[in-house]
Amino acid sequence: MAFVSTAAWMPRVVFVASLVAALAMASGPAAAAARGGRRVIHLRFYMHDITGGPGQTAVQVVKGPGPAHPVMPGSHFGDTTVMDDALTEGASAASRPVGRAQGTYTLASLREPALWVSMTVVLTGGAYNGSTIAVVGRDDISASVRELAVVGGTGAFRGATGHVLWRTARMESRDHVVLELDVYATVPGASPPPRAGAVRQGGLNLD
């Protein structure tokens, strides 16, 4: 039987081990994302939730049959509201409109002021005109920043995943709450690109 020295077979072992490691890295999630050409789109806009008075955009459709809420006077567990809220480029209601937030929110906590939100962001101008983003999650209105999930979309946001950082920007009145939404959506490379331009920090590019 021929004897092969360690010096002879060691380079082969090192080469095979390196090849296996390289193949494992190539099949990992990061590599899959790179092959798919996934990209992150960042949008910022303001949502105007108006629950009464002139220009009302949110209407309660279910008076919750549950107990009165301990920290939200006049509210009951299960209260459900349908919304068609305006989205604007700036915090002012007079700012340039960029879309609508359509969906529902339900008082879903017996103790905390937490809402379950399910909505579609419908973009109506600029580079992403006609595209939509599906957003769901828990909105604890006592927190300064809330995080909701991006779970899909259409058009430029087809197959999107990601998150939304959701803040209460200001109270225009007792019935008018302005929310600041920072959307971070990761989309597959195969998703249709924007029609023109890109996203600029601080809002949508509507040129």
N, C-alpha and C. Protein backbone atom coordinates (compact mmCIF):
# COMPACT_ATOMS: atom_id res chain seq x y z
N MET A 1 0.86 -1.20 0.00
CA MET A 1 0.00 0.00 0.00
C MET A 1 0.88 1.23 0.00
N ALA A 2 0.55 2.15 -0.89
CA ALA A 2 1.36 3.36 -0.97
C ALA A 2 1.02 4.28 0.19
N PHE A 3 1.99 4.96 0.71
CA PHE A 3 1.81 5.90 1.81
C PHE A 3 1.82 7.33 1.26
N VAL A 4 0.74 8.08 1.59
CA VAL A 4 0.66 9.47 1.15
C VAL A 4 0.95 10.36 2.34
N SER A 5 1.90 11.21 2.22
CA SER A 5 2.28 12.07 3.34
C SER A 5 1.23 13.13 3.61
N THR A 6 1.21 13.63 4.86
CA THR A 6 0.29 14.71 5.25
C THR A 6 0.49 15.94 4.37
N ALA A 7 1.71 16.22 4.01
CA ALA A 7 2.01 17.40 3.19
C ALA A 7 1.34 17.29 1.82
N ALA A 8 1.14 16.03 1.37
CA ALA A 8 0.55 15.86 0.04
C ALA A 8 -0.96 16.06 0.04
N TRP A 9 -1.66 15.51 1.08
CA TRP A 9 -3.13 15.58 1.02
C TRP A 9 -3.72 16.78 1.75
N MET A 10 -2.95 17.47 2.59
CA MET A 10 -3.48 18.60 3.34
C MET A 10 -4.00 19.72 2.44
N PRO A 11 -3.30 20.12 1.37
CA PRO A 11 -3.82 21.19 0.51
C PRO A 11 -5.17 20.83 -0.09
N ARG A 12 -5.36 19.51 -0.41
CA ARG A 12 -6.65 19.09 -0.97
C ARG A 12 -7.77 19.25 0.04
N VAL A 13 -7.49 18.88 1.29
CA VAL A 13 -8.49 19.00 2.36
C VAL A 13 -8.89 20.45 2.54
N VAL A 14 -7.91 21.33 2.58
CA VAL A 14 -8.17 22.76 2.74
C VAL A 14 -9.01 23.28 1.58
N PHE A 15 -8.68 22.83 0.36
CA PHE A 15 -9.43 23.28 -0.82
C PHE A 15 -10.89 22.83 -0.75
N VAL A 16 -11.10 21.57 -0.39
CA VAL A 16 -12.47 21.03 -0.31
C VAL A 16 -13.26 21.76 0.77
N ALA A 17 -12.64 21.99 1.93
CA ALA A 17 -13.33 22.69 3.00
C ALA A 17 -13.71 24.11 2.58
N SER A 18 -12.82 24.78 1.88
CA SER A 18 -13.10 26.14 1.41
C SER A 18 -14.23 26.14 0.40
N LEU A 19 -14.24 25.11 -0.47
CA LEU A 19 -15.30 25.01 -1.48
C LEU A 19 -16.66 24.80 -0.83
N VAL A 20 -16.72 23.93 0.17
CA VAL A 20 -17.98 23.68 0.89
C VAL A 20 -18.48 24.94 1.57
N ALA A 21 -17.56 25.68 2.22
CA ALA A 21 -17.95 26.92 2.89
C ALA A 21 -18.47 27.95 1.89
N ALA A 22 -17.81 28.04 0.75
CA ALA A 22 -18.24 29.00 -0.26
C ALA A 22 -19.62 28.66 -0.80
N LEU A 23 -19.89 27.36 -1.01
CA LEU A 23 -21.20 26.94 -1.49
C LEU A 23 -22.29 27.23 -0.46
N ALA A 24 -21.97 27.02 0.81
CA ALA A 24 -22.94 27.29 1.88
C ALA A 24 -23.28 28.78 1.92
N MET A 25 -22.25 29.62 1.78
CA MET A 25 -22.50 31.06 1.78
C MET A 25 -23.32 31.48 0.57
N ALA A 26 -23.05 30.84 -0.55
CA ALA A 26 -23.76 31.20 -1.79
C ALA A 26 -25.23 30.83 -1.74
N SER A 27 -25.58 29.86 -0.86
CA SER A 27 -26.98 29.43 -0.78
C SER A 27 -27.70 30.06 0.40
N GLY A 28 -27.05 30.95 1.13
CA GLY A 28 -27.66 31.59 2.30
C GLY A 28 -28.64 32.67 1.92
N PRO A 29 -29.37 33.21 2.93
CA PRO A 29 -30.37 34.24 2.67
C PRO A 29 -29.81 35.50 2.03
N ALA A 30 -28.62 35.93 2.49
CA ALA A 30 -28.06 37.15 1.93
C ALA A 30 -27.76 36.98 0.45
N ALA A 31 -27.21 35.80 0.12
CA ALA A 31 -26.90 35.55 -1.28
C ALA A 31 -28.18 35.46 -2.11
N ALA A 32 -29.19 34.83 -1.52
CA ALA A 32 -30.47 34.72 -2.24
C ALA A 32 -31.04 36.11 -2.52
N ALA A 33 -30.92 37.00 -1.53
CA ALA A 33 -31.41 38.36 -1.73
C ALA A 33 -30.61 39.07 -2.81
N ALA A 34 -29.29 38.84 -2.79
CA ALA A 34 -28.44 39.49 -3.79
C ALA A 34 -28.77 38.99 -5.19
N ARG A 35 -28.97 37.65 -5.31
CA ARG A 35 -29.32 37.10 -6.62
C ARG A 35 -30.66 37.63 -7.09
N GLY A 36 -31.57 37.83 -6.14
CA GLY A 36 -32.89 38.34 -6.49
C GLY A 36 -32.90 39.84 -6.71
N GLY A 37 -31.80 40.51 -6.37
CA GLY A 37 -31.72 41.94 -6.57
C GLY A 37 -32.70 42.72 -5.71
N ARG A 38 -32.95 42.27 -4.48
CA ARG A 38 -33.91 42.95 -3.62
C ARG A 38 -33.40 44.34 -3.27
N ARG A 39 -34.32 45.28 -3.15
CA ARG A 39 -33.94 46.66 -2.84
C ARG A 39 -34.91 47.22 -1.80
N VAL A 40 -34.43 48.18 -1.03
CA VAL A 40 -35.24 48.80 0.01
C VAL A 40 -35.74 50.15 -0.48
N ILE A 41 -37.04 50.38 -0.33
CA ILE A 41 -37.66 51.66 -0.66
C ILE A 41 -38.10 52.32 0.64
N HIS A 42 -37.69 53.57 0.83
CA HIS A 42 -38.07 54.32 2.04
C HIS A 42 -39.01 55.45 1.65
N LEU A 43 -40.18 55.47 2.25
CA LEU A 43 -41.15 56.54 2.04
C LEU A 43 -41.51 57.16 3.37
N ARG A 44 -41.72 58.48 3.36
CA ARG A 44 -42.23 59.15 4.56
C ARG A 44 -43.40 60.02 4.15
N PHE A 45 -44.49 59.90 4.89
CA PHE A 45 -45.64 60.75 4.64
C PHE A 45 -46.45 60.88 5.92
N TYR A 46 -47.50 61.70 5.86
CA TYR A 46 -48.31 62.00 7.04
C TYR A 46 -49.76 61.58 6.78
N MET A 47 -50.36 60.99 7.79
CA MET A 47 -51.70 60.42 7.70
C MET A 47 -52.63 61.24 8.59
N HIS A 48 -53.77 61.64 8.05
CA HIS A 48 -54.72 62.49 8.77
C HIS A 48 -55.97 61.69 9.12
N ASP A 49 -56.07 61.30 10.39
CA ASP A 49 -57.22 60.51 10.87
C ASP A 49 -58.21 61.46 11.52
N ILE A 50 -59.35 61.68 10.85
CA ILE A 50 -60.35 62.65 11.32
C ILE A 50 -61.62 61.87 11.67
N THR A 51 -61.92 61.82 12.96
CA THR A 51 -63.01 60.96 13.44
C THR A 51 -64.34 61.70 13.62
N GLY A 52 -64.38 62.99 13.34
CA GLY A 52 -65.63 63.74 13.48
C GLY A 52 -65.52 65.12 12.88
N GLY A 53 -66.66 65.77 12.72
CA GLY A 53 -66.68 67.14 12.21
C GLY A 53 -66.47 67.20 10.71
N PRO A 54 -66.24 68.41 10.19
CA PRO A 54 -66.03 68.60 8.75
C PRO A 54 -64.82 67.80 8.26
N GLY A 55 -64.96 67.19 7.11
CA GLY A 55 -63.85 66.44 6.54
C GLY A 55 -63.60 65.10 7.20
N GLN A 56 -64.59 64.56 7.89
CA GLN A 56 -64.42 63.29 8.58
C GLN A 56 -63.96 62.19 7.62
N THR A 57 -62.93 61.42 8.03
CA THR A 57 -62.39 60.35 7.19
C THR A 57 -62.42 58.99 7.87
N ALA A 58 -62.83 58.94 9.15
CA ALA A 58 -62.87 57.69 9.89
C ALA A 58 -64.21 57.58 10.64
N VAL A 59 -64.89 56.45 10.46
CA VAL A 59 -66.22 56.27 11.02
C VAL A 59 -66.27 54.97 11.83
N GLN A 60 -66.77 55.07 13.05
CA GLN A 60 -66.93 53.86 13.86
C GLN A 60 -68.10 53.05 13.32
N VAL A 61 -67.85 51.77 13.01
CA VAL A 61 -68.88 50.90 12.45
C VAL A 61 -69.32 49.81 13.43
N VAL A 62 -68.53 49.60 14.48
CA VAL A 62 -68.89 48.63 15.52
C VAL A 62 -68.67 49.27 16.87
N LYS A 63 -69.71 49.30 17.69
CA LYS A 63 -69.57 49.70 19.08
C LYS A 63 -69.25 48.45 19.87
N GLY A 64 -68.03 48.38 20.35
CA GLY A 64 -67.57 47.15 20.99
C GLY A 64 -68.49 46.65 22.09
N PRO A 65 -68.84 45.36 22.06
CA PRO A 65 -69.70 44.80 23.10
C PRO A 65 -68.95 44.50 24.40
N GLY A 66 -67.63 44.70 24.37
CA GLY A 66 -66.83 44.41 25.55
C GLY A 66 -66.94 45.49 26.61
N PRO A 67 -66.19 45.33 27.70
CA PRO A 67 -66.25 46.30 28.81
C PRO A 67 -65.68 47.65 28.43
N ALA A 68 -66.07 48.67 29.21
CA ALA A 68 -65.51 50.00 29.02
C ALA A 68 -64.00 49.95 29.22
N HIS A 69 -63.27 50.73 28.43
CA HIS A 69 -61.82 50.69 28.51
C HIS A 69 -61.35 51.55 29.68
N PRO A 70 -60.40 51.04 30.51
CA PRO A 70 -60.00 51.75 31.71
C PRO A 70 -59.22 53.04 31.47
N VAL A 71 -58.55 53.17 30.32
CA VAL A 71 -57.73 54.37 30.09
C VAL A 71 -58.17 55.16 28.85
N MET A 72 -59.23 54.75 28.20
CA MET A 72 -59.75 55.46 27.03
C MET A 72 -61.23 55.75 27.26
N PRO A 73 -61.54 56.85 27.92
CA PRO A 73 -62.93 57.17 28.26
C PRO A 73 -63.84 57.17 27.03
N GLY A 74 -65.00 56.55 27.19
CA GLY A 74 -65.97 56.49 26.10
C GLY A 74 -65.73 55.36 25.12
N SER A 75 -64.61 54.61 25.29
CA SER A 75 -64.30 53.51 24.37
C SER A 75 -64.57 52.17 25.03
N HIS A 76 -64.83 51.17 24.20
CA HIS A 76 -65.11 49.82 24.68
C HIS A 76 -64.27 48.81 23.90
N PHE A 77 -63.91 47.73 24.56
CA PHE A 77 -63.16 46.65 23.92
C PHE A 77 -63.94 46.15 22.70
N GLY A 78 -63.29 46.18 21.55
CA GLY A 78 -63.94 45.74 20.31
C GLY A 78 -64.41 46.86 19.42
N ASP A 79 -64.33 48.11 19.88
CA ASP A 79 -64.69 49.24 19.00
C ASP A 79 -63.91 49.13 17.69
N THR A 80 -64.62 49.25 16.58
CA THR A 80 -63.98 49.12 15.26
C THR A 80 -64.33 50.31 14.38
N THR A 81 -63.31 50.87 13.76
CA THR A 81 -63.46 52.05 12.90
C THR A 81 -62.94 51.76 11.50
N VAL A 82 -63.67 52.23 10.49
CA VAL A 82 -63.23 52.16 9.10
C VAL A 82 -62.68 53.52 8.71
N MET A 83 -61.55 53.51 8.01
CA MET A 83 -60.90 54.78 7.65
C MET A 83 -60.62 54.86 6.16
N ASP A 84 -60.62 56.07 5.67
CA ASP A 84 -60.14 56.42 4.33
C ASP A 84 -59.38 57.73 4.50
N ASP A 85 -58.23 57.64 5.19
CA ASP A 85 -57.48 58.82 5.62
C ASP A 85 -56.59 59.37 4.51
N ALA A 86 -56.51 60.69 4.45
CA ALA A 86 -55.62 61.33 3.48
C ALA A 86 -54.16 61.16 3.91
N LEU A 87 -53.29 60.98 2.94
CA LEU A 87 -51.85 60.97 3.14
C LEU A 87 -51.26 62.18 2.44
N THR A 88 -50.42 62.92 3.15
CA THR A 88 -49.83 64.13 2.59
C THR A 88 -48.32 64.10 2.72
N GLU A 89 -47.66 64.92 1.90
CA GLU A 89 -46.20 64.96 1.91
C GLU A 89 -45.67 65.61 3.18
N GLY A 90 -46.37 66.61 3.70
CA GLY A 90 -45.98 67.27 4.94
C GLY A 90 -47.04 67.07 6.01
N ALA A 91 -46.79 67.61 7.19
CA ALA A 91 -47.71 67.40 8.32
C ALA A 91 -49.00 68.20 8.19
N SER A 92 -48.97 69.28 7.45
CA SER A 92 -50.17 70.10 7.28
C SER A 92 -51.16 69.41 6.36
N ALA A 93 -52.46 69.55 6.70
CA ALA A 93 -53.50 68.99 5.84
C ALA A 93 -53.51 69.65 4.47
N ALA A 94 -52.96 70.85 4.39
CA ALA A 94 -52.89 71.57 3.11
C ALA A 94 -51.69 71.16 2.28
N SER A 95 -50.83 70.29 2.84
CA SER A 95 -49.66 69.84 2.11
C SER A 95 -50.07 68.98 0.92
N ARG A 96 -49.13 68.75 0.03
CA ARG A 96 -49.42 68.02 -1.20
C ARG A 96 -49.92 66.60 -0.92
N PRO A 97 -51.08 66.20 -1.45
CA PRO A 97 -51.58 64.85 -1.23
C PRO A 97 -50.76 63.81 -1.98
N VAL A 98 -50.54 62.65 -1.34
CA VAL A 98 -49.76 61.58 -1.98
C VAL A 98 -50.52 60.25 -2.01
N GLY A 99 -51.67 60.16 -1.34
CA GLY A 99 -52.41 58.91 -1.35
C GLY A 99 -53.47 58.85 -0.28
N ARG A 100 -53.96 57.63 -0.04
CA ARG A 100 -54.97 57.38 0.98
C ARG A 100 -54.57 56.15 1.79
N ALA A 101 -54.98 56.13 3.06
CA ALA A 101 -54.82 54.95 3.92
C ALA A 101 -56.22 54.41 4.17
N GLN A 102 -56.51 53.24 3.62
CA GLN A 102 -57.85 52.67 3.68
C GLN A 102 -57.81 51.34 4.43
N GLY A 103 -58.71 51.21 5.42
CA GLY A 103 -58.73 49.98 6.19
C GLY A 103 -59.52 50.14 7.47
N THR A 104 -59.12 49.40 8.50
CA THR A 104 -59.83 49.41 9.78
C THR A 104 -58.83 49.43 10.94
N TYR A 105 -59.31 49.93 12.09
CA TYR A 105 -58.58 49.72 13.33
C TYR A 105 -59.58 49.39 14.44
N THR A 106 -59.15 48.46 15.31
CA THR A 106 -60.01 47.91 16.36
C THR A 106 -59.32 48.05 17.71
N LEU A 107 -60.07 48.46 18.73
CA LEU A 107 -59.53 48.49 20.09
C LEU A 107 -59.40 47.03 20.55
N ALA A 108 -58.17 46.52 20.57
CA ALA A 108 -57.94 45.10 20.73
C ALA A 108 -57.27 44.73 22.05
N SER A 109 -57.20 45.66 22.98
CA SER A 109 -56.61 45.38 24.29
C SER A 109 -57.60 45.75 25.39
N LEU A 110 -57.69 44.89 26.38
CA LEU A 110 -58.59 45.16 27.51
C LEU A 110 -58.04 46.23 28.44
N ARG A 111 -56.70 46.43 28.43
CA ARG A 111 -56.09 47.34 29.41
C ARG A 111 -55.28 48.46 28.77
N GLU A 112 -54.41 48.13 27.80
CA GLU A 112 -53.59 49.16 27.17
C GLU A 112 -54.39 49.86 26.06
N PRO A 113 -53.99 51.08 25.73
CA PRO A 113 -54.64 51.79 24.61
C PRO A 113 -54.06 51.33 23.28
N ALA A 114 -54.30 50.06 22.96
CA ALA A 114 -53.68 49.44 21.79
C ALA A 114 -54.73 49.06 20.75
N LEU A 115 -54.46 49.45 19.51
CA LEU A 115 -55.35 49.18 18.39
C LEU A 115 -54.72 48.14 17.47
N TRP A 116 -55.58 47.29 16.88
CA TRP A 116 -55.12 46.41 15.81
C TRP A 116 -55.44 47.11 14.50
N VAL A 117 -54.39 47.39 13.70
CA VAL A 117 -54.54 48.14 12.45
C VAL A 117 -54.36 47.21 11.26
N SER A 118 -55.24 47.32 10.29
CA SER A 118 -55.11 46.60 9.03
C SER A 118 -55.49 47.58 7.92
N MET A 119 -54.53 47.96 7.09
CA MET A 119 -54.82 48.99 6.10
C MET A 119 -53.99 48.80 4.84
N THR A 120 -54.49 49.41 3.76
CA THR A 120 -53.77 49.47 2.49
C THR A 120 -53.42 50.93 2.21
N VAL A 121 -52.13 51.17 2.00
CA VAL A 121 -51.67 52.49 1.58
C VAL A 121 -51.79 52.55 0.05
N VAL A 122 -52.63 53.44 -0.43
CA VAL A 122 -52.86 53.59 -1.87
C VAL A 122 -52.15 54.87 -2.32
N LEU A 123 -51.10 54.72 -3.10
CA LEU A 123 -50.33 55.88 -3.57
C LEU A 123 -50.95 56.42 -4.85
N THR A 124 -51.14 57.73 -4.89
CA THR A 124 -51.93 58.33 -5.97
C THR A 124 -51.19 59.41 -6.76
N GLY A 125 -49.87 59.47 -6.61
CA GLY A 125 -49.13 60.47 -7.36
C GLY A 125 -47.67 60.14 -7.45
N GLY A 126 -46.99 60.73 -8.41
CA GLY A 126 -45.55 60.62 -8.52
C GLY A 126 -45.07 59.26 -9.00
N ALA A 127 -43.84 58.93 -8.61
CA ALA A 127 -43.16 57.74 -9.12
C ALA A 127 -43.89 56.45 -8.81
N TYR A 128 -44.62 56.40 -7.71
CA TYR A 128 -45.28 55.16 -7.29
C TYR A 128 -46.80 55.24 -7.45
N ASN A 129 -47.27 56.12 -8.28
CA ASN A 129 -48.70 56.28 -8.53
C ASN A 129 -49.32 54.95 -8.95
N GLY A 130 -50.39 54.54 -8.26
CA GLY A 130 -51.08 53.30 -8.59
C GLY A 130 -50.61 52.10 -7.81
N SER A 131 -49.48 52.19 -7.12
CA SER A 131 -48.98 51.09 -6.29
C SER A 131 -49.64 51.13 -4.91
N THR A 132 -49.66 49.98 -4.25
CA THR A 132 -50.22 49.90 -2.90
C THR A 132 -49.27 49.16 -1.97
N ILE A 133 -49.41 49.42 -0.67
CA ILE A 133 -48.61 48.75 0.37
C ILE A 133 -49.57 48.26 1.45
N ALA A 134 -49.50 46.98 1.79
CA ALA A 134 -50.34 46.40 2.84
C ALA A 134 -49.61 46.48 4.18
N VAL A 135 -50.29 47.05 5.19
CA VAL A 135 -49.69 47.27 6.51
C VAL A 135 -50.62 46.70 7.59
N VAL A 136 -50.06 45.95 8.51
CA VAL A 136 -50.84 45.44 9.64
C VAL A 136 -49.99 45.54 10.91
N GLY A 137 -50.65 45.53 12.07
CA GLY A 137 -49.90 45.49 13.32
C GLY A 137 -50.60 46.15 14.48
N ARG A 138 -49.87 46.23 15.58
CA ARG A 138 -50.38 46.74 16.85
C ARG A 138 -49.94 48.18 17.03
N ASP A 139 -50.89 49.05 17.28
CA ASP A 139 -50.62 50.48 17.47
C ASP A 139 -50.96 50.85 18.91
N ASP A 140 -49.94 50.83 19.77
CA ASP A 140 -50.11 51.26 21.17
C ASP A 140 -49.94 52.77 21.20
N ILE A 141 -51.04 53.49 21.28
CA ILE A 141 -50.98 54.94 21.12
C ILE A 141 -50.28 55.63 22.27
N SER A 142 -49.97 54.90 23.35
CA SER A 142 -49.22 55.50 24.46
C SER A 142 -47.71 55.52 24.19
N ALA A 143 -47.25 54.77 23.19
CA ALA A 143 -45.82 54.71 22.86
C ALA A 143 -45.46 55.84 21.89
N SER A 144 -44.26 56.37 22.03
CA SER A 144 -43.85 57.47 21.14
C SER A 144 -43.62 56.97 19.73
N VAL A 145 -43.09 55.75 19.59
CA VAL A 145 -42.87 55.14 18.27
C VAL A 145 -43.44 53.73 18.29
N ARG A 146 -44.25 53.43 17.28
CA ARG A 146 -44.81 52.10 17.15
C ARG A 146 -44.27 51.46 15.87
N GLU A 147 -44.14 50.15 15.86
CA GLU A 147 -43.65 49.46 14.67
C GLU A 147 -44.72 48.50 14.16
N LEU A 148 -45.13 48.70 12.92
CA LEU A 148 -46.08 47.83 12.27
C LEU A 148 -45.38 47.12 11.11
N ALA A 149 -46.02 46.10 10.57
CA ALA A 149 -45.38 45.27 9.54
C ALA A 149 -45.91 45.59 8.14
N VAL A 150 -44.98 45.61 7.18
CA VAL A 150 -45.35 45.62 5.77
C VAL A 150 -45.45 44.16 5.34
N VAL A 151 -46.62 43.74 4.85
CA VAL A 151 -46.85 42.33 4.56
C VAL A 151 -47.13 42.06 3.07
N GLY A 152 -47.02 43.07 2.24
CA GLY A 152 -47.25 42.86 0.82
C GLY A 152 -47.51 44.17 0.12
N GLY A 153 -47.93 44.05 -1.12
CA GLY A 153 -48.24 45.24 -1.90
C GLY A 153 -48.48 44.89 -3.34
N THR A 154 -48.72 45.91 -4.15
CA THR A 154 -48.92 45.73 -5.58
C THR A 154 -48.10 46.77 -6.34
N GLY A 155 -47.99 46.57 -7.65
CA GLY A 155 -47.21 47.50 -8.46
C GLY A 155 -45.75 47.45 -8.08
N ALA A 156 -45.16 48.59 -7.78
CA ALA A 156 -43.75 48.65 -7.40
C ALA A 156 -43.47 47.94 -6.08
N PHE A 157 -44.53 47.63 -5.32
CA PHE A 157 -44.36 46.98 -4.00
C PHE A 157 -44.86 45.54 -4.01
N ARG A 158 -44.94 44.93 -5.18
CA ARG A 158 -45.35 43.53 -5.28
C ARG A 158 -44.37 42.64 -4.53
N GLY A 159 -44.87 41.83 -3.60
CA GLY A 159 -44.01 40.94 -2.82
C GLY A 159 -43.22 41.64 -1.74
N ALA A 160 -43.63 42.85 -1.33
CA ALA A 160 -42.87 43.62 -0.34
C ALA A 160 -42.94 43.02 1.06
N THR A 161 -41.87 43.19 1.80
CA THR A 161 -41.82 42.93 3.23
C THR A 161 -41.14 44.14 3.88
N GLY A 162 -41.28 44.26 5.20
CA GLY A 162 -40.62 45.36 5.87
C GLY A 162 -41.37 45.83 7.09
N HIS A 163 -41.21 47.12 7.40
CA HIS A 163 -41.85 47.65 8.60
C HIS A 163 -42.17 49.13 8.42
N VAL A 164 -43.04 49.61 9.30
CA VAL A 164 -43.42 51.02 9.33
C VAL A 164 -43.17 51.55 10.73
N LEU A 165 -42.44 52.65 10.84
CA LEU A 165 -42.29 53.36 12.12
C LEU A 165 -43.38 54.42 12.15
N TRP A 166 -44.21 54.37 13.18
CA TRP A 166 -45.49 55.08 13.22
C TRP A 166 -45.46 56.00 14.44
N ARG A 167 -45.59 57.30 14.23
CA ARG A 167 -45.53 58.26 15.34
C ARG A 167 -46.74 59.19 15.29
N THR A 168 -47.18 59.63 16.46
CA THR A 168 -48.18 60.70 16.50
C THR A 168 -47.44 62.01 16.36
N ALA A 169 -47.66 62.70 15.24
CA ALA A 169 -46.94 63.94 14.97
C ALA A 169 -47.54 65.11 15.72
N ARG A 170 -48.87 65.22 15.70
CA ARG A 170 -49.53 66.31 16.42
C ARG A 170 -51.04 66.10 16.41
N MET A 171 -51.71 66.85 17.26
CA MET A 171 -53.17 66.85 17.33
C MET A 171 -53.66 68.18 16.76
N GLU A 172 -54.31 68.13 15.62
CA GLU A 172 -54.87 69.34 15.04
C GLU A 172 -56.11 69.80 15.83
N SER A 173 -56.86 68.81 16.33
CA SER A 173 -58.05 69.07 17.14
C SER A 173 -58.39 67.79 17.88
N ARG A 174 -59.45 67.82 18.64
CA ARG A 174 -59.87 66.62 19.38
C ARG A 174 -60.17 65.46 18.42
N ASP A 175 -60.62 65.79 17.21
CA ASP A 175 -61.02 64.77 16.25
C ASP A 175 -60.03 64.53 15.12
N HIS A 176 -58.93 65.30 15.09
CA HIS A 176 -58.00 65.23 13.97
C HIS A 176 -56.59 64.93 14.48
N VAL A 177 -56.15 63.69 14.26
CA VAL A 177 -54.81 63.26 14.66
C VAL A 177 -53.93 63.15 13.42
N VAL A 178 -52.72 63.71 13.49
CA VAL A 178 -51.77 63.60 12.39
C VAL A 178 -50.69 62.61 12.78
N LEU A 179 -50.51 61.58 11.96
CA LEU A 179 -49.54 60.52 12.20
C LEU A 179 -48.41 60.61 11.17
N GLU A 180 -47.19 60.44 11.63
CA GLU A 180 -46.03 60.39 10.72
C GLU A 180 -45.66 58.94 10.48
N LEU A 181 -45.58 58.53 9.22
CA LEU A 181 -45.27 57.15 8.87
C LEU A 181 -43.97 57.10 8.07
N ASP A 182 -42.99 56.34 8.58
CA ASP A 182 -41.78 56.03 7.84
C ASP A 182 -41.89 54.58 7.39
N VAL A 183 -42.01 54.37 6.09
CA VAL A 183 -42.18 53.03 5.53
C VAL A 183 -40.85 52.55 4.97
N TYR A 184 -40.42 51.36 5.40
CA TYR A 184 -39.22 50.72 4.86
C TYR A 184 -39.67 49.40 4.23
N ALA A 185 -39.77 49.37 2.91
CA ALA A 185 -40.27 48.20 2.20
C ALA A 185 -39.16 47.59 1.35
N THR A 186 -38.90 46.30 1.56
CA THR A 186 -37.93 45.57 0.74
C THR A 186 -38.70 44.82 -0.33
N VAL A 187 -38.35 45.05 -1.59
CA VAL A 187 -39.09 44.47 -2.70
C VAL A 187 -38.17 43.62 -3.55
N PRO A 188 -38.70 42.56 -4.18
CA PRO A 188 -37.89 41.73 -5.08
C PRO A 188 -37.43 42.54 -6.30
N GLY A 189 -36.30 42.11 -6.87
CA GLY A 189 -35.79 42.79 -8.05
C GLY A 189 -36.75 42.72 -9.22
N ALA A 190 -37.64 41.70 -9.20
CA ALA A 190 -38.57 41.54 -10.31
C ALA A 190 -39.75 42.50 -10.23
N SER A 191 -39.92 43.19 -9.08
CA SER A 191 -41.02 44.13 -8.96
C SER A 191 -40.84 45.29 -9.93
N PRO A 192 -41.94 45.79 -10.49
CA PRO A 192 -41.81 46.91 -11.44
C PRO A 192 -41.14 48.10 -10.79
N PRO A 193 -40.21 48.75 -11.48
CA PRO A 193 -39.55 49.94 -10.92
C PRO A 193 -40.49 51.12 -10.92
N PRO A 194 -40.16 52.17 -10.15
CA PRO A 194 -40.98 53.39 -10.21
C PRO A 194 -40.98 53.96 -11.61
N ARG A 195 -42.03 54.68 -11.92
CA ARG A 195 -42.17 55.23 -13.28
C ARG A 195 -41.10 56.26 -13.59
N ALA A 196 -40.72 57.05 -12.56
CA ALA A 196 -39.70 58.07 -12.79
C ALA A 196 -39.16 58.51 -11.45
N GLY A 197 -37.88 58.86 -11.39
CA GLY A 197 -37.29 59.38 -10.16
C GLY A 197 -37.15 58.30 -9.10
N ALA A 198 -36.95 58.74 -7.87
CA ALA A 198 -36.76 57.83 -6.75
C ALA A 198 -37.39 58.47 -5.53
N VAL A 199 -37.08 57.90 -4.38
CA VAL A 199 -37.62 58.45 -3.14
C VAL A 199 -36.62 59.42 -2.56
N ARG A 200 -37.09 60.54 -2.11
CA ARG A 200 -36.19 61.49 -1.46
C ARG A 200 -36.49 61.51 0.04
N GLN A 201 -35.48 61.75 0.83
CA GLN A 201 -35.64 61.81 2.27
C GLN A 201 -36.67 62.87 2.65
N GLY A 202 -37.61 62.48 3.46
CA GLY A 202 -38.61 63.45 3.92
C GLY A 202 -39.90 63.40 3.16
N GLY A 203 -40.03 62.53 2.16
CA GLY A 203 -41.30 62.44 1.47
C GLY A 203 -41.19 61.69 0.17
N LEU A 204 -42.27 61.70 -0.59
CA LEU A 204 -42.29 61.03 -1.87
C LEU A 204 -41.77 61.97 -2.95
N ASN A 205 -41.11 61.38 -3.93
CA ASN A 205 -40.73 62.16 -5.10
C ASN A 205 -41.91 62.17 -6.06
N LEU A 206 -42.57 63.28 -6.20
CA LEU A 206 -43.76 63.36 -7.02
C LEU A 206 -43.51 64.06 -8.34
N ASP A 207 -42.25 64.23 -8.69
CA ASP A 207 -41.93 64.91 -9.95
C ASP A 207 -42.22 63.99 -11.14
